[in-house]
Protein backbone atom coordinates (compact mmCIF):
# COMPACT_ATOMS: atom_id res chain seq x y z
CA MET A 1 -48.03 -21.15 -86.79
CA ARG A 2 -48.93 -24.88 -87.11
CA ASP A 3 -47.36 -24.96 -90.81
CA ALA A 4 -44.10 -23.43 -89.49
CA LEU A 5 -43.76 -25.96 -86.65
CA ILE A 6 -44.33 -28.86 -89.36
CA GLN A 7 -41.58 -27.40 -91.49
CA ALA A 8 -39.41 -27.40 -88.54
CA LEU A 9 -39.38 -31.10 -87.97
CA PRO A 10 -37.35 -31.91 -91.20
CA ALA A 11 -35.00 -29.08 -90.46
CA ALA A 12 -34.50 -30.25 -86.80
CA LEU A 13 -33.80 -34.09 -87.98
CA GLY A 14 -31.51 -32.57 -90.64
CA ILE A 15 -29.54 -30.79 -87.79
CA VAL A 16 -29.39 -33.92 -85.67
CA LEU A 17 -28.01 -36.02 -88.68
CA VAL A 18 -25.44 -33.52 -89.65
CA VAL A 19 -24.24 -32.67 -85.94
CA PHE A 20 -24.25 -36.50 -85.34
CA VAL A 21 -21.95 -37.36 -88.07
CA LEU A 22 -19.79 -34.55 -87.24
CA LEU A 23 -19.44 -35.53 -83.76
CA GLN A 24 -18.64 -39.11 -84.92
CA LEU A 25 -15.43 -37.59 -86.56
CA VAL A 26 -14.03 -35.96 -83.72
CA PRO A 27 -11.44 -38.36 -82.38
CA GLY A 28 -12.02 -40.14 -78.87
CA ASP A 29 -15.25 -40.49 -76.87
CA VAL A 30 -16.66 -40.03 -73.26
CA VAL A 31 -14.99 -43.21 -72.24
CA ASP A 32 -11.57 -41.87 -73.30
CA VAL A 33 -12.23 -38.75 -71.45
CA MET A 34 -13.52 -40.58 -68.21
CA ALA A 35 -10.44 -43.13 -68.26
CA SER A 36 -7.93 -40.03 -68.58
CA GLN A 37 -9.82 -38.13 -65.42
CA SER A 38 -9.85 -41.26 -63.24
CA GLY A 39 -6.09 -41.80 -63.99
CA SER A 40 -6.04 -45.38 -64.82
CA ALA A 41 -8.49 -47.70 -66.77
CA SER A 42 -8.13 -51.14 -68.00
CA ALA A 43 -8.87 -52.16 -71.53
CA GLU A 44 -11.66 -54.44 -70.35
CA THR A 45 -13.30 -51.61 -68.08
CA MET A 46 -13.30 -49.23 -71.10
CA ALA A 47 -14.94 -52.15 -73.46
CA TRP A 48 -17.55 -52.47 -70.81
CA LEU A 49 -18.35 -49.09 -70.47
CA ARG A 50 -18.57 -48.71 -74.28
CA ALA A 51 -21.00 -51.46 -74.24
CA GLU A 52 -22.85 -50.29 -71.56
CA TYR A 53 -23.42 -46.83 -73.15
CA GLY A 54 -23.96 -48.12 -76.79
CA LEU A 55 -20.73 -46.69 -78.10
CA ASP A 56 -19.44 -50.12 -79.64
CA GLN A 57 -22.24 -50.24 -81.92
CA PRO A 58 -22.25 -49.01 -85.73
CA VAL A 59 -22.71 -45.55 -86.24
CA LEU A 60 -26.02 -46.02 -88.29
CA THR A 61 -27.33 -48.18 -85.39
CA GLN A 62 -26.26 -45.37 -82.82
CA PHE A 63 -28.28 -42.88 -84.72
CA TRP A 64 -31.12 -45.05 -85.02
CA ASN A 65 -31.13 -45.67 -81.27
CA TYR A 66 -30.97 -41.78 -80.85
CA LEU A 67 -34.08 -41.32 -83.07
CA TRP A 68 -35.78 -43.96 -81.03
CA HIS A 69 -35.18 -42.01 -78.01
CA LEU A 70 -36.33 -38.69 -79.58
CA ALA A 71 -39.43 -40.75 -80.76
CA HIS A 72 -40.41 -41.28 -77.09
CA PHE A 73 -39.67 -37.88 -76.22
CA SER A 74 -36.13 -38.67 -74.53
CA LEU A 75 -32.76 -37.05 -75.14
CA GLY A 76 -30.90 -40.31 -73.92
CA TYR A 77 -28.35 -40.39 -70.93
CA SER A 78 -25.35 -38.60 -70.19
CA PRO A 79 -22.37 -40.86 -69.09
CA ARG A 80 -20.25 -37.63 -68.09
CA PHE A 81 -23.11 -36.11 -65.50
CA GLY A 82 -24.47 -39.54 -64.82
CA THR A 83 -28.31 -38.60 -65.44
CA ASP A 84 -30.88 -38.02 -67.92
CA VAL A 85 -30.14 -35.40 -70.71
CA THR A 86 -33.60 -34.14 -70.72
CA GLY A 87 -33.63 -33.20 -67.10
CA LEU A 88 -30.09 -31.83 -67.34
CA ILE A 89 -30.95 -29.42 -69.89
CA LEU A 90 -34.07 -28.23 -68.35
CA GLY A 91 -32.27 -27.59 -65.15
CA ARG A 92 -29.92 -25.34 -66.93
CA LEU A 93 -32.72 -23.85 -69.28
CA PRO A 94 -34.03 -21.02 -67.03
CA ASP A 95 -30.97 -19.49 -66.39
CA THR A 96 -29.86 -19.10 -70.02
CA LEU A 97 -33.52 -18.12 -71.04
CA LEU A 98 -33.14 -15.18 -68.31
CA LEU A 99 -29.80 -14.12 -69.52
CA MET A 100 -31.08 -14.05 -73.33
CA LEU A 101 -34.53 -12.31 -72.63
CA LEU A 102 -32.83 -9.57 -70.29
CA ALA A 103 -29.92 -9.11 -73.04
CA GLN A 104 -32.49 -9.04 -75.78
CA ALA A 105 -34.70 -6.64 -73.97
CA MET A 106 -31.89 -4.46 -73.21
CA ALA A 107 -30.52 -4.59 -76.79
CA LEU A 108 -33.95 -3.67 -78.18
CA VAL A 109 -34.81 -0.90 -75.77
CA VAL A 110 -31.16 0.77 -75.77
CA GLY A 111 -30.88 0.04 -79.56
CA ILE A 112 -34.29 1.53 -80.59
CA GLY A 113 -33.72 4.56 -78.42
CA PHE A 114 -30.13 5.09 -79.96
CA GLY A 115 -31.74 4.83 -83.42
CA ILE A 116 -34.66 7.40 -82.46
CA VAL A 117 -32.11 10.05 -81.37
CA MET A 118 -29.75 9.37 -84.45
CA ALA A 119 -32.61 9.88 -86.95
CA VAL A 120 -34.22 12.80 -85.03
CA TRP A 121 -30.70 14.74 -84.96
CA ALA A 122 -29.37 13.14 -88.15
CA ASN A 123 -26.03 14.16 -89.41
CA LYS A 124 -25.53 16.18 -85.98
CA TRP A 125 -23.40 15.71 -83.35
CA PRO A 126 -25.70 13.26 -81.35
CA ASP A 127 -25.76 11.10 -84.36
CA ARG A 128 -22.24 11.41 -84.94
CA LEU A 129 -21.26 10.45 -81.24
CA LEU A 130 -23.89 7.48 -81.11
CA THR A 131 -22.47 6.37 -84.40
CA LEU A 132 -19.08 6.27 -82.86
CA VAL A 133 -20.52 4.40 -80.00
CA ASN A 134 -22.35 1.85 -82.13
CA LEU A 135 -18.99 1.28 -84.16
CA LEU A 136 -17.20 0.52 -81.24
CA LEU A 137 -20.07 -1.96 -79.97
CA TYR A 138 -20.16 -3.47 -83.35
CA SER A 139 -16.45 -4.21 -83.52
CA LEU A 140 -15.39 -5.35 -80.32
CA PRO A 141 -16.21 -8.96 -79.30
CA GLY A 142 -18.98 -9.64 -76.55
CA PHE A 143 -16.46 -11.78 -74.53
CA TRP A 144 -13.82 -8.85 -74.45
CA ILE A 145 -16.59 -6.38 -73.40
CA GLY A 146 -17.27 -8.86 -70.77
CA LEU A 147 -13.92 -8.90 -69.32
CA LEU A 148 -13.60 -5.01 -69.51
CA VAL A 149 -16.91 -4.68 -67.64
CA LEU A 150 -15.62 -7.47 -65.11
CA LEU A 151 -12.21 -5.75 -64.31
CA LEU A 152 -14.07 -2.55 -64.02
CA PHE A 153 -17.27 -3.14 -61.95
CA SER A 154 -16.35 -6.18 -60.20
CA VAL A 155 -12.50 -6.09 -59.82
CA GLN A 156 -11.66 -2.32 -59.31
CA LEU A 157 -15.05 -0.96 -57.96
CA ASN A 158 -16.40 -4.11 -56.56
CA TRP A 159 -19.97 -3.12 -57.13
CA LEU A 160 -21.09 -6.34 -58.82
CA PRO A 161 -20.40 -9.98 -58.53
CA SER A 162 -17.65 -11.22 -60.89
CA GLY A 163 -19.55 -14.84 -61.67
CA GLY A 164 -22.09 -17.31 -60.86
CA ASN A 165 -25.70 -16.85 -60.63
CA GLN A 166 -26.54 -16.35 -57.15
CA THR A 167 -24.65 -15.58 -53.66
CA ILE A 168 -23.68 -19.00 -52.20
CA GLY A 169 -24.53 -19.87 -48.70
CA ALA A 170 -26.85 -16.43 -48.50
CA ASN A 171 -30.18 -17.03 -46.73
CA LEU A 172 -32.19 -14.66 -48.97
CA SER A 173 -35.98 -14.06 -49.07
CA ALA A 174 -37.92 -14.42 -52.42
CA GLY A 175 -37.39 -10.74 -53.31
CA GLY A 176 -33.83 -10.74 -52.22
CA ALA A 177 -32.90 -13.74 -54.15
CA LEU A 178 -34.36 -12.02 -57.25
CA LEU A 179 -32.25 -9.21 -56.89
CA ASP A 180 -29.29 -11.04 -56.22
CA LYS A 181 -29.81 -12.96 -59.49
CA LEU A 182 -30.27 -9.84 -61.21
CA GLN A 183 -27.08 -8.40 -59.96
CA HIS A 184 -25.31 -11.43 -61.14
CA ALA A 185 -26.81 -11.12 -64.41
CA LEU A 186 -26.25 -7.58 -65.02
CA LEU A 187 -22.55 -7.65 -66.28
CA PRO A 188 -23.37 -10.69 -68.50
CA VAL A 189 -26.28 -9.05 -69.93
CA LEU A 190 -24.28 -6.10 -70.75
CA ALA A 191 -21.63 -8.12 -72.73
CA LEU A 192 -24.21 -10.10 -74.47
CA SER A 193 -26.48 -7.19 -75.67
CA SER A 194 -23.71 -5.05 -76.88
CA TYR A 195 -23.40 -6.38 -80.36
CA PHE A 196 -27.08 -6.41 -80.71
CA ILE A 197 -27.48 -2.58 -79.78
CA ALA A 198 -25.28 -1.55 -82.48
CA ILE A 199 -27.20 -3.65 -84.96
CA TYR A 200 -30.92 -2.48 -83.65
CA ALA A 201 -29.66 1.13 -83.33
CA ARG A 202 -28.36 1.41 -87.17
CA LEU A 203 -31.35 -0.69 -88.35
CA THR A 204 -34.06 1.86 -86.45
CA ARG A 205 -32.17 5.11 -87.78
CA SER A 206 -32.31 3.70 -91.29
CA ALA A 207 -36.05 2.58 -91.15
CA LEU A 208 -37.02 6.02 -89.57
CA LEU A 209 -35.20 7.92 -92.19
CA ASP A 210 -36.85 5.84 -94.93
CA VAL A 211 -40.40 6.51 -93.34
CA ALA A 212 -39.86 10.33 -92.94
CA ASP A 213 -40.12 11.16 -96.57
CA GLN A 214 -43.46 9.27 -96.84
CA ASP A 215 -46.86 11.08 -97.49
CA PHE A 216 -48.63 10.36 -94.18
CA ILE A 217 -45.64 11.70 -92.31
CA ARG A 218 -45.99 14.93 -94.48
CA THR A 219 -49.57 15.19 -93.61
CA ALA A 220 -48.96 14.60 -90.11
CA HIS A 221 -46.49 17.59 -90.03
CA ALA A 222 -49.10 19.59 -91.95
CA LYS A 223 -51.70 18.99 -88.82
CA GLY A 224 -49.20 20.45 -86.58
CA LEU A 225 -48.35 17.40 -84.57
CA SER A 226 -45.50 17.55 -82.48
CA PRO A 227 -42.21 16.17 -84.05
CA TRP A 228 -41.98 13.54 -81.01
CA ARG A 229 -45.47 12.52 -81.37
CA ILE A 230 -44.94 11.88 -85.03
CA VAL A 231 -41.75 10.00 -84.29
CA LEU A 232 -43.15 7.77 -81.81
CA ARG A 233 -46.86 7.17 -82.75
CA HIS A 234 -46.47 7.09 -86.60
CA MET A 235 -42.89 6.71 -87.81
CA LEU A 236 -41.51 4.08 -85.01
CA ARG A 237 -44.58 1.74 -85.66
CA CYS A 238 -43.26 1.22 -89.37
CA ALA A 239 -39.60 1.06 -88.37
CA LEU A 240 -40.46 -1.52 -86.01
CA THR A 241 -41.13 -4.23 -88.64
CA PRO A 242 -37.69 -4.51 -89.91
CA VAL A 243 -36.27 -4.37 -86.32
CA THR A 244 -38.45 -7.29 -84.98
CA THR A 245 -37.55 -9.38 -88.14
CA VAL A 246 -33.99 -8.91 -87.62
CA ALA A 247 -34.30 -9.67 -83.83
CA GLY A 248 -35.93 -13.00 -84.77
CA LEU A 249 -33.28 -14.05 -87.41
CA TYR A 250 -30.55 -12.98 -84.70
CA PHE A 251 -32.01 -15.07 -81.82
CA GLY A 252 -29.68 -18.08 -83.10
CA ASN A 253 -26.71 -15.53 -82.58
CA LEU A 254 -27.82 -14.64 -79.24
CA LEU A 255 -27.94 -18.12 -77.97
CA GLY A 256 -24.52 -19.02 -79.72
CA GLY A 257 -23.15 -15.66 -77.85
CA ALA A 258 -24.42 -16.81 -74.64
CA ALA A 259 -22.15 -19.70 -74.74
CA VAL A 260 -19.02 -17.81 -74.49
CA ILE A 261 -20.38 -15.09 -72.13
CA GLU A 262 -21.70 -18.01 -69.76
CA THR A 263 -18.17 -19.12 -69.83
CA VAL A 264 -16.79 -15.92 -69.08
CA PHE A 265 -18.75 -15.11 -66.02
CA SER A 266 -19.04 -18.79 -64.82
CA TRP A 267 -22.99 -18.56 -65.73
CA PRO A 268 -24.52 -21.93 -65.21
CA GLY A 269 -26.47 -22.17 -68.19
CA LEU A 270 -26.74 -24.15 -71.33
CA GLY A 271 -24.10 -22.38 -72.76
CA SER A 272 -21.61 -23.45 -70.15
CA LEU A 273 -23.07 -26.76 -70.09
CA ALA A 274 -22.46 -27.27 -73.81
CA MET A 275 -18.65 -26.24 -73.38
CA GLU A 276 -18.32 -28.99 -70.64
CA ALA A 277 -20.24 -31.54 -72.61
CA ILE A 278 -17.79 -30.85 -75.77
CA VAL A 279 -14.86 -31.02 -73.49
CA ALA A 280 -15.99 -34.28 -72.15
CA ARG A 281 -17.16 -35.71 -75.63
CA ASP A 282 -20.69 -36.26 -74.14
CA PHE A 283 -22.39 -36.05 -77.34
CA ASN A 284 -25.82 -36.78 -76.13
CA VAL A 285 -25.72 -33.58 -74.22
CA VAL A 286 -24.40 -31.62 -77.07
CA LEU A 287 -27.17 -33.11 -79.51
CA GLY A 288 -29.98 -32.52 -76.92
CA ILE A 289 -28.69 -28.63 -76.60
CA LEU A 290 -28.64 -28.21 -80.46
CA LEU A 291 -31.89 -29.60 -80.82
CA LEU A 292 -33.58 -27.69 -78.13
CA SER A 293 -31.89 -24.42 -79.78
CA ALA A 294 -33.03 -25.18 -83.23
CA PHE A 295 -36.76 -25.46 -82.15
CA MET A 296 -36.28 -22.30 -79.90
CA VAL A 297 -35.19 -20.39 -82.90
CA VAL A 298 -38.16 -21.78 -84.88
CA ILE A 299 -40.65 -20.79 -82.15
CA VAL A 300 -39.39 -17.22 -81.64
CA ASN A 301 -39.39 -16.69 -85.57
CA VAL A 302 -43.06 -17.57 -85.37
CA LEU A 303 -43.66 -15.37 -82.74
CA VAL A 304 -42.06 -12.62 -84.42
CA ASP A 305 -44.52 -13.23 -87.44
CA VAL A 306 -47.35 -12.85 -84.92
CA LEU A 307 -45.88 -9.80 -83.50
CA GLN A 308 -45.54 -7.95 -86.86
CA SER A 309 -49.20 -8.84 -87.69
CA LEU A 310 -50.00 -6.99 -84.45
CA ILE A 311 -47.65 -4.27 -85.18
CA ASP A 312 -48.71 -3.72 -89.10
CA PRO A 313 -51.92 -5.37 -89.81
CA ARG A 314 -50.86 -5.58 -93.42
CA MET A 315 -48.27 -8.25 -92.61
CA GLU A 316 -51.06 -10.52 -91.28
CA GLY A 317 -51.67 -12.31 -94.70
CA ARG A 318 -48.14 -12.75 -95.07
CA ALA A 319 -46.96 -14.23 -91.80
């Protein structure tokens, strides 16, 4: 684990360098956006603001200053939001983590469940029906599914809230507030997890069918064990290794998909914050979110290696 975290440091610095250079190529800066939003600003005022935020310095100097802030565990200052970037990101992080963890959990549970049914009834009508469902989930964009469930369950049926992460002005107890947040999260979670359900289902089906012809499975059948016990106790354990590997690799995609889904459902997380920062040319916030995302992906993949060693002890020496 320590080696993986050490290897992540140069990768994170490379990400910061590449993104920093790309952002510098974007026309305009946060001062231009602030001036256009205010309606009027003199050239002297804009020059003073650029000097105040260090935007008048050479690019290499700005990059060095950013690295200096990182060395002191600071992500800089946000001119657009008027606050420290670290506190701003940490304030939005819990809502994004809640959305991602719920979406990942739903994708794994539903996807693995679909995969088991498809493998047990391979080439029969349950397999064909779920294959069609998976094809639809795989093909349709998450934001489009989000709009569909929004129109159905919120606009037409009025069962679930249409946006936000809580009911504004509601005086709820701790349990009521948690239930209210889960109700707001249900539609975004459905939209975010749809693509990954199809991925995990197809992968589980393929892994189970590959394991079905191995010797220890034939031995289990010869002992008279029930088919479901063989699937759940013996075959599934082997099939979980590729599923967890892909789940770790797709964590970055899940984080990227959250940005779009949060915008559709007005969910106040890192994704919507990144969109606001990009529009406002607030590059310190964008860099901070990308840097945090890179470390989150590395940490998740390290945890996946540990989980695989617990699922299959033969993987311990390779992790």
